[in-house]
Amino acid sequence: MALLKEKLDHYRGQLMSRRELMAKDLRLATEQLLNDETTFTDSVDQAAAETHKSLTVQMKNRDRQTLRQIDDALRRLSDGSFGNCVRCEEAISDARIDAFPFTTLCIECKAEIETEEHRFSGRV
C-alpha cells in the first residue's frame, strides 16, 4: 500500500530537518576537533583528552552513517520506494516509520535478521 502524499511530505520534512541539524552539528564538531591543539603537561590529562577526542570521533562517524541513511531515505522518497521493506517488499508500518523514519526494513524482517546475527555470532 502506497503512502499518502501528505504523509510522504511529512516524512520528507522530518528527514530534511533532522539532516540539516545533524550536518550543522557535524561541521561544528569537525571544526572543533581540527582546531583543538590543547596539550597537557600531565600525561594522565593528555590521555583523558585523547580518549575523549577518540570517543567524539566515533560518535561523529556514527552520525555520518545516520546522514547517509537519511540521504538514502530521501532518495527513496523521490523514487517512490519509501515505506517498502527492501527485504520482503511489503509495506513498513506507520508506527515503525514514525519511530525510525529512515528504516529500510519492516519489523518482521528486522527481527529475522537480528535472530540470524545472534545465531551466527554464537549468542542466544
C-alpha atoms as a PDB file:
ATOM      1  CA  MET A   1       0.000   0.000   0.000  1.00  0.00           C
ATOM      2  CA  ALA A   2       1.458   3.337  -1.037  1.00  0.00           C
ATOM      3  CA  LEU A   3       1.771   6.108   1.493  1.00  0.00           C
ATOM      4  CA  LEU A   4      -0.403   9.187   1.049  1.00  0.00           C
ATOM      5  CA  LYS A   5       1.245  12.304  -0.352  1.00  0.00           C
ATOM      6  CA  GLU A   6       0.614  14.195   2.902  1.00  0.00           C
ATOM      7  CA  LYS A   7       2.446  11.523   4.900  1.00  0.00           C
ATOM      8  CA  LEU A   8       5.306  11.479   2.407  1.00  0.00           C
ATOM      9  CA  ASP A   9       5.595  15.272   2.654  1.00  0.00           C
ATOM     10  CA  HIS A  10       5.572  14.972   6.449  1.00  0.00           C
ATOM     11  CA  TYR A  11       8.380  12.394   6.402  1.00  0.00           C
ATOM     12  CA  ARG A  12      10.364  14.437   3.860  1.00  0.00           C
ATOM     13  CA  GLY A  13      10.135  17.499   6.128  1.00  0.00           C
ATOM     14  CA  GLN A  14      11.124  15.459   9.167  1.00  0.00           C
ATOM     15  CA  LEU A  15      14.098  13.935   7.389  1.00  0.00           C
ATOM     16  CA  MET A  16      15.260  17.251   5.929  1.00  0.00           C
ATOM     17  CA  SER A  17      15.085  18.969   9.332  1.00  0.00           C
ATOM     18  CA  ARG A  18      16.985  16.163  11.012  1.00  0.00           C
ATOM     19  CA  ARG A  19      19.548  16.155   8.220  1.00  0.00           C
ATOM     20  CA  GLU A  20      20.171  19.908   8.437  1.00  0.00           C
ATOM     21  CA  LEU A  21      20.589  19.753  12.214  1.00  0.00           C
ATOM     22  CA  MET A  22      22.965  16.778  12.073  1.00  0.00           C
ATOM     23  CA  ALA A  23      25.014  18.251   9.224  1.00  0.00           C
ATOM     24  CA  LYS A  24      25.428  21.528  11.113  1.00  0.00           C
ATOM     25  CA  ASP A  25      26.439  19.674  14.284  1.00  0.00           C
ATOM     26  CA  LEU A  26      28.954  17.576  12.345  1.00  0.00           C
ATOM     27  CA  ARG A  27      30.502  20.645  10.726  1.00  0.00           C
ATOM     28  CA  LEU A  28      30.910  22.365  14.105  1.00  0.00           C
ATOM     29  CA  ALA A  29      32.314  19.252  15.783  1.00  0.00           C
ATOM     30  CA  THR A  30      34.771  18.699  12.936  1.00  0.00           C
ATOM     31  CA  GLU A  31      35.961  22.311  13.149  1.00  0.00           C
ATOM     32  CA  GLN A  32      36.417  21.982  16.905  1.00  0.00           C
ATOM     33  CA  LEU A  33      38.378  18.751  16.539  1.00  0.00           C
ATOM     34  CA  LEU A  34      40.608  20.234  13.851  1.00  0.00           C
ATOM     35  CA  ASN A  35      41.234  23.443  15.784  1.00  0.00           C
ATOM     36  CA  ASP A  36      41.842  21.776  19.146  1.00  0.00           C
ATOM     37  CA  GLU A  37      45.556  21.986  19.749  1.00  0.00           C
ATOM     38  CA  THR A  38      45.365  21.706  23.515  1.00  0.00           C
ATOM     39  CA  THR A  39      48.259  19.889  25.092  1.00  0.00           C
ATOM     40  CA  PHE A  40      48.648  18.914  28.690  1.00  0.00           C
ATOM     41  CA  THR A  41      51.839  18.628  30.679  1.00  0.00           C
ATOM     42  CA  ASP A  42      50.301  15.862  32.743  1.00  0.00           C
ATOM     43  CA  SER A  43      50.262  12.565  30.859  1.00  0.00           C
ATOM     44  CA  VAL A  44      47.043  11.432  32.573  1.00  0.00           C
ATOM     45  CA  ASP A  45      45.241  14.606  31.475  1.00  0.00           C
ATOM     46  CA  GLN A  46      46.623  14.199  27.956  1.00  0.00           C
ATOM     47  CA  ALA A  47      45.450  10.575  27.833  1.00  0.00           C
ATOM     48  CA  ALA A  48      41.986  11.578  29.047  1.00  0.00           C
ATOM     49  CA  ALA A  49      41.805  14.295  26.389  1.00  0.00           C
ATOM     50  CA  GLU A  50      42.862  11.847  23.674  1.00  0.00           C
ATOM     51  CA  THR A  51      40.277   9.320  24.878  1.00  0.00           C
ATOM     52  CA  HIS A  52      37.592  11.994  24.779  1.00  0.00           C
ATOM     53  CA  LYS A  53      38.660  13.006  21.281  1.00  0.00           C
ATOM     54  CA  SER A  54      38.560   9.382  20.126  1.00  0.00           C
ATOM     55  CA  LEU A  55      35.045   8.894  21.529  1.00  0.00           C
ATOM     56  CA  THR A  56      33.909  12.111  19.862  1.00  0.00           C
ATOM     57  CA  VAL A  57      35.258  10.914  16.508  1.00  0.00           C
ATOM     58  CA  GLN A  58      33.445   7.583  16.924  1.00  0.00           C
ATOM     59  CA  MET A  59      30.152   9.329  17.711  1.00  0.00           C
ATOM     60  CA  LYS A  60      30.545  11.671  14.758  1.00  0.00           C
ATOM     61  CA  ASN A  61      31.278   8.719  12.470  1.00  0.00           C
ATOM     62  CA  ARG A  62      28.012   7.171  13.655  1.00  0.00           C
ATOM     63  CA  ASP A  63      26.287  10.478  12.876  1.00  0.00           C
ATOM     64  CA  ARG A  64      27.785  10.421   9.369  1.00  0.00           C
ATOM     65  CA  GLN A  65      26.320   6.940   8.882  1.00  0.00           C
ATOM     66  CA  THR A  66      22.933   8.259  10.007  1.00  0.00           C
ATOM     67  CA  LEU A  67      23.242  11.104   7.495  1.00  0.00           C
ATOM     68  CA  ARG A  68      23.838   8.538   4.748  1.00  0.00           C
ATOM     69  CA  GLN A  69      20.728   6.657   5.887  1.00  0.00           C
ATOM     70  CA  ILE A  70      18.728   9.884   5.815  1.00  0.00           C
ATOM     71  CA  ASP A  71      20.019  10.664   2.313  1.00  0.00           C
ATOM     72  CA  ASP A  72      19.021   7.160   1.215  1.00  0.00           C
ATOM     73  CA  ALA A  73      15.535   7.668   2.692  1.00  0.00           C
ATOM     74  CA  LEU A  74      15.192  10.983   0.837  1.00  0.00           C
ATOM     75  CA  ARG A  75      16.218   9.215  -2.379  1.00  0.00           C
ATOM     76  CA  ARG A  76      13.592   6.529  -1.743  1.00  0.00           C
ATOM     77  CA  LEU A  77      11.012   9.277  -1.184  1.00  0.00           C
ATOM     78  CA  SER A  78      11.911  10.675  -4.597  1.00  0.00           C
ATOM     79  CA  ASP A  79      11.866   7.358  -6.437  1.00  0.00           C
ATOM     80  CA  GLY A  80       8.651   6.106  -4.814  1.00  0.00           C
ATOM     81  CA  SER A  81      10.098   3.188  -2.861  1.00  0.00           C
ATOM     82  CA  PHE A  82       9.936   4.838   0.569  1.00  0.00           C
ATOM     83  CA  GLY A  83       7.878   2.871   3.076  1.00  0.00           C
ATOM     84  CA  ASN A  84       8.531  -0.528   1.498  1.00  0.00           C
ATOM     85  CA  CYS A  85      10.774  -3.126   3.096  1.00  0.00           C
ATOM     86  CA  VAL A  86      13.880  -3.718   0.991  1.00  0.00           C
ATOM     87  CA  ARG A  87      13.918  -7.377   2.019  1.00  0.00           C
ATOM     88  CA  CYS A  88      10.315  -8.563   1.587  1.00  0.00           C
ATOM     89  CA  GLU A  89       8.975  -5.522  -0.320  1.00  0.00           C
ATOM     90  CA  GLU A  90       5.917  -5.321   1.973  1.00  0.00           C
ATOM     91  CA  ALA A  91       4.775  -2.006   3.449  1.00  0.00           C
ATOM     92  CA  ILE A  92       6.556  -0.892   6.611  1.00  0.00           C
ATOM     93  CA  SER A  93       4.120   0.037   9.391  1.00  0.00           C
ATOM     94  CA  ASP A  94       3.471   3.717  10.029  1.00  0.00           C
ATOM     95  CA  ALA A  95       4.457   3.234  13.675  1.00  0.00           C
ATOM     96  CA  ARG A  96       7.889   1.900  12.654  1.00  0.00           C
ATOM     97  CA  ILE A  97       8.441   4.720  10.166  1.00  0.00           C
ATOM     98  CA  ASP A  98       7.335   7.270  12.771  1.00  0.00           C
ATOM     99  CA  ALA A  99       9.861   5.853  15.249  1.00  0.00           C
ATOM    100  CA  PHE A 100      12.661   5.363  12.720  1.00  0.00           C
ATOM    101  CA  PRO A 101      11.939   7.386   9.553  1.00  0.00           C
ATOM    102  CA  PHE A 102      14.964   6.153   7.619  1.00  0.00           C
ATOM    103  CA  THR A 103      14.322   2.474   8.223  1.00  0.00           C
ATOM    104  CA  THR A 104      14.603   0.116   5.276  1.00  0.00           C
ATOM    105  CA  LEU A 105      13.151  -2.976   6.939  1.00  0.00           C
ATOM    106  CA  CYS A 106       9.751  -3.911   8.305  1.00  0.00           C
ATOM    107  CA  ILE A 107       9.738  -5.089  11.923  1.00  0.00           C
ATOM    108  CA  GLU A 108       9.434  -8.757  10.921  1.00  0.00           C
ATOM    109  CA  CYS A 109      12.447  -8.688   8.605  1.00  0.00           C
ATOM    110  CA  LYS A 110      14.489  -6.699  11.139  1.00  0.00           C
ATOM    111  CA  ALA A 111      13.690  -9.310  13.812  1.00  0.00           C
ATOM    112  CA  GLU A 112      14.657 -12.150  11.452  1.00  0.00           C
ATOM    113  CA  ILE A 113      17.983 -10.502  10.627  1.00  0.00           C
ATOM    114  CA  GLU A 114      18.764  -9.918  14.289  1.00  0.00           C
ATOM    115  CA  THR A 115      17.914 -13.539  15.083  1.00  0.00           C
ATOM    116  CA  GLU A 116      20.230 -14.709  12.295  1.00  0.00           C
ATOM    117  CA  GLU A 117      23.019 -12.420  13.534  1.00  0.00           C
ATOM    118  CA  HIS A 118      22.694 -13.786  17.060  1.00  0.00           C
ATOM    119  CA  ARG A 119      22.689 -17.354  15.779  1.00  0.00           C
ATOM    120  CA  PHE A 120      25.880 -16.853  13.744  1.00  0.00           C
ATOM    121  CA  SER A 121      27.658 -14.903  16.452  1.00  0.00           C
ATOM    122  CA  GLY A 122      27.118 -17.664  18.981  1.00  0.00           C
ATOM    123  CA  ARG A 123      24.858 -15.534  21.164  1.00  0.00           C
ATOM    124  CA  VAL A 124      21.388 -16.567  22.183  1.00  0.00           C
END
